[in-house]
Amino acid sequence: MSIDTEIRHTTKAGSNIFLELGFPADEAKRLQAESEQQINDTQLLKEQLMAELASWIKESHLKQVEAAEILMVSRPRVSDVVNKKTSKFTIDALVGMLSRIGKPVTLSVG
């Protein structure tokens, strides 16, 4: 038995994936806008959490290796936090790190 791995179609960057999936144009436009908003909201939240971690590292005068030990992550992960590489982290991972340093995250809706 063989597994079919042939690529039949690729979506160009910046294209509306919902339009390519066959949604009507107005629905595809709405879905694309909602998707972009959710991505932006998530990005902003991650940046805020990372800024809090970076501030703690700076205020505590910690080297990245020292922060890594306290946060229970590798030194390169601390570097990724400090450099705000949001795509490398989930919100859960960042919340967990903040919890480890005694900064629990509170969610406010609205």
Protein backbone atom coordinates (compact mmCIF):
# COMPACT_ATOMS: atom_id res chain seq x y z
CA MET A 1 0.00 0.00 0.00
CA SER A 2 1.39 3.41 -0.91
CA ILE A 3 0.50 6.77 0.55
CA ASP A 4 -0.48 9.51 -1.89
CA THR A 5 1.70 12.54 -1.15
CA GLU A 6 1.27 14.40 -4.44
CA ILE A 7 0.69 18.14 -4.07
CA ARG A 8 -2.20 19.11 -6.29
CA HIS A 9 -2.69 22.72 -5.29
CA THR A 10 -0.90 25.41 -3.32
CA THR A 11 -2.37 28.65 -2.12
CA LYS A 12 -0.28 31.71 -2.77
CA ALA A 13 0.66 33.88 0.21
CA GLY A 14 -1.87 36.64 0.72
CA SER A 15 -4.64 34.74 -1.05
CA ASN A 16 -8.01 34.24 0.54
CA ILE A 17 -8.04 30.55 1.45
CA PHE A 18 -11.78 30.66 2.08
CA LEU A 19 -12.42 31.80 -1.49
CA GLU A 20 -10.24 28.98 -2.76
CA LEU A 21 -12.20 26.53 -0.61
CA GLY A 22 -15.36 27.53 -2.48
CA PHE A 23 -17.06 29.95 -0.10
CA PRO A 24 -19.07 32.71 -1.76
CA ALA A 25 -16.99 35.89 -2.20
CA ASP A 26 -18.73 37.93 0.52
CA GLU A 27 -18.59 35.04 3.01
CA ALA A 28 -14.92 34.37 2.16
CA LYS A 29 -14.08 38.03 2.72
CA ARG A 30 -15.83 38.01 6.11
CA LEU A 31 -14.14 34.77 7.19
CA GLN A 32 -10.73 36.06 6.09
CA ALA A 33 -11.22 39.26 8.10
CA GLU A 34 -12.29 37.29 11.20
CA SER A 35 -9.31 34.98 10.84
CA GLU A 36 -6.87 37.88 10.53
CA GLN A 37 -8.40 39.56 13.60
CA GLN A 38 -8.03 36.39 15.66
CA ILE A 39 -4.41 36.03 14.57
CA ASN A 40 -3.69 39.66 15.45
CA ASP A 41 -5.37 39.33 18.84
CA THR A 42 -3.36 36.21 19.65
CA GLN A 43 -0.14 37.89 18.51
CA LEU A 44 -0.81 40.91 20.73
CA LEU A 45 -1.57 38.73 23.75
CA LYS A 46 1.64 36.73 23.27
CA GLU A 47 3.64 39.96 22.92
CA GLN A 48 2.18 41.28 26.18
CA LEU A 49 3.03 38.07 28.03
CA MET A 50 6.55 38.06 26.58
CA ALA A 51 7.07 41.70 27.53
CA GLU A 52 6.17 40.84 31.12
CA LEU A 53 8.68 37.99 31.14
CA ALA A 54 11.39 40.13 29.54
CA SER A 55 10.78 42.88 32.11
CA TRP A 56 11.10 40.38 34.95
CA ILE A 57 14.41 39.11 33.54
CA LYS A 58 15.76 42.64 33.20
CA GLU A 59 14.51 43.86 36.59
CA SER A 60 15.92 40.75 38.28
CA HIS A 61 19.29 41.29 36.57
CA LEU A 62 19.28 37.70 35.38
CA LYS A 63 21.35 36.16 32.65
CA GLN A 64 19.36 34.11 30.17
CA VAL A 65 20.79 30.87 31.51
CA GLU A 66 19.68 31.82 35.05
CA ALA A 67 16.21 32.78 33.84
CA ALA A 68 16.00 29.49 31.94
CA GLU A 69 16.62 27.50 35.11
CA ILE A 70 13.92 29.38 37.01
CA LEU A 71 11.42 29.19 34.13
CA MET A 72 12.28 25.51 33.52
CA VAL A 73 13.01 26.06 29.83
CA SER A 74 16.16 26.07 27.73
CA ARG A 75 18.34 29.16 27.33
CA PRO A 76 17.38 29.46 23.62
CA ARG A 77 13.70 29.54 24.68
CA VAL A 78 14.47 32.50 26.95
CA SER A 79 16.17 34.19 24.01
CA ASP A 80 13.05 33.61 21.91
CA VAL A 81 10.93 35.22 24.64
CA VAL A 82 13.20 38.25 24.92
CA ASN A 83 13.23 38.64 21.13
CA LYS A 84 9.43 38.25 20.96
CA LYS A 85 9.38 35.29 18.60
CA THR A 86 5.68 34.77 19.16
CA SER A 87 5.29 31.99 16.61
CA LYS A 88 7.44 29.71 18.76
CA PHE A 89 5.12 29.80 21.79
CA THR A 90 1.59 28.97 22.76
CA ILE A 91 -0.25 31.23 25.15
CA ASP A 92 -0.32 28.30 27.61
CA ALA A 93 3.48 28.03 27.60
CA LEU A 94 3.88 31.74 28.32
CA VAL A 95 1.24 31.68 31.06
CA GLY A 96 3.04 28.69 32.62
CA MET A 97 6.34 30.57 32.67
CA LEU A 98 4.73 33.59 34.29
CA SER A 99 3.12 31.35 36.89
CA ARG A 100 6.53 29.87 37.76
CA ILE A 101 7.83 33.33 38.69
CA GLY A 102 4.82 34.18 40.83
CA LYS A 103 3.02 36.30 38.25
CA PRO A 104 -0.27 34.53 37.64
CA VAL A 105 -2.17 35.70 34.58
CA THR A 106 -5.72 36.94 34.96
CA LEU A 107 -8.03 37.02 31.96
CA SER A 108 -10.44 39.86 31.51
CA VAL A 109 -13.10 39.73 28.84
CA GLY A 110 -14.80 42.80 27.45
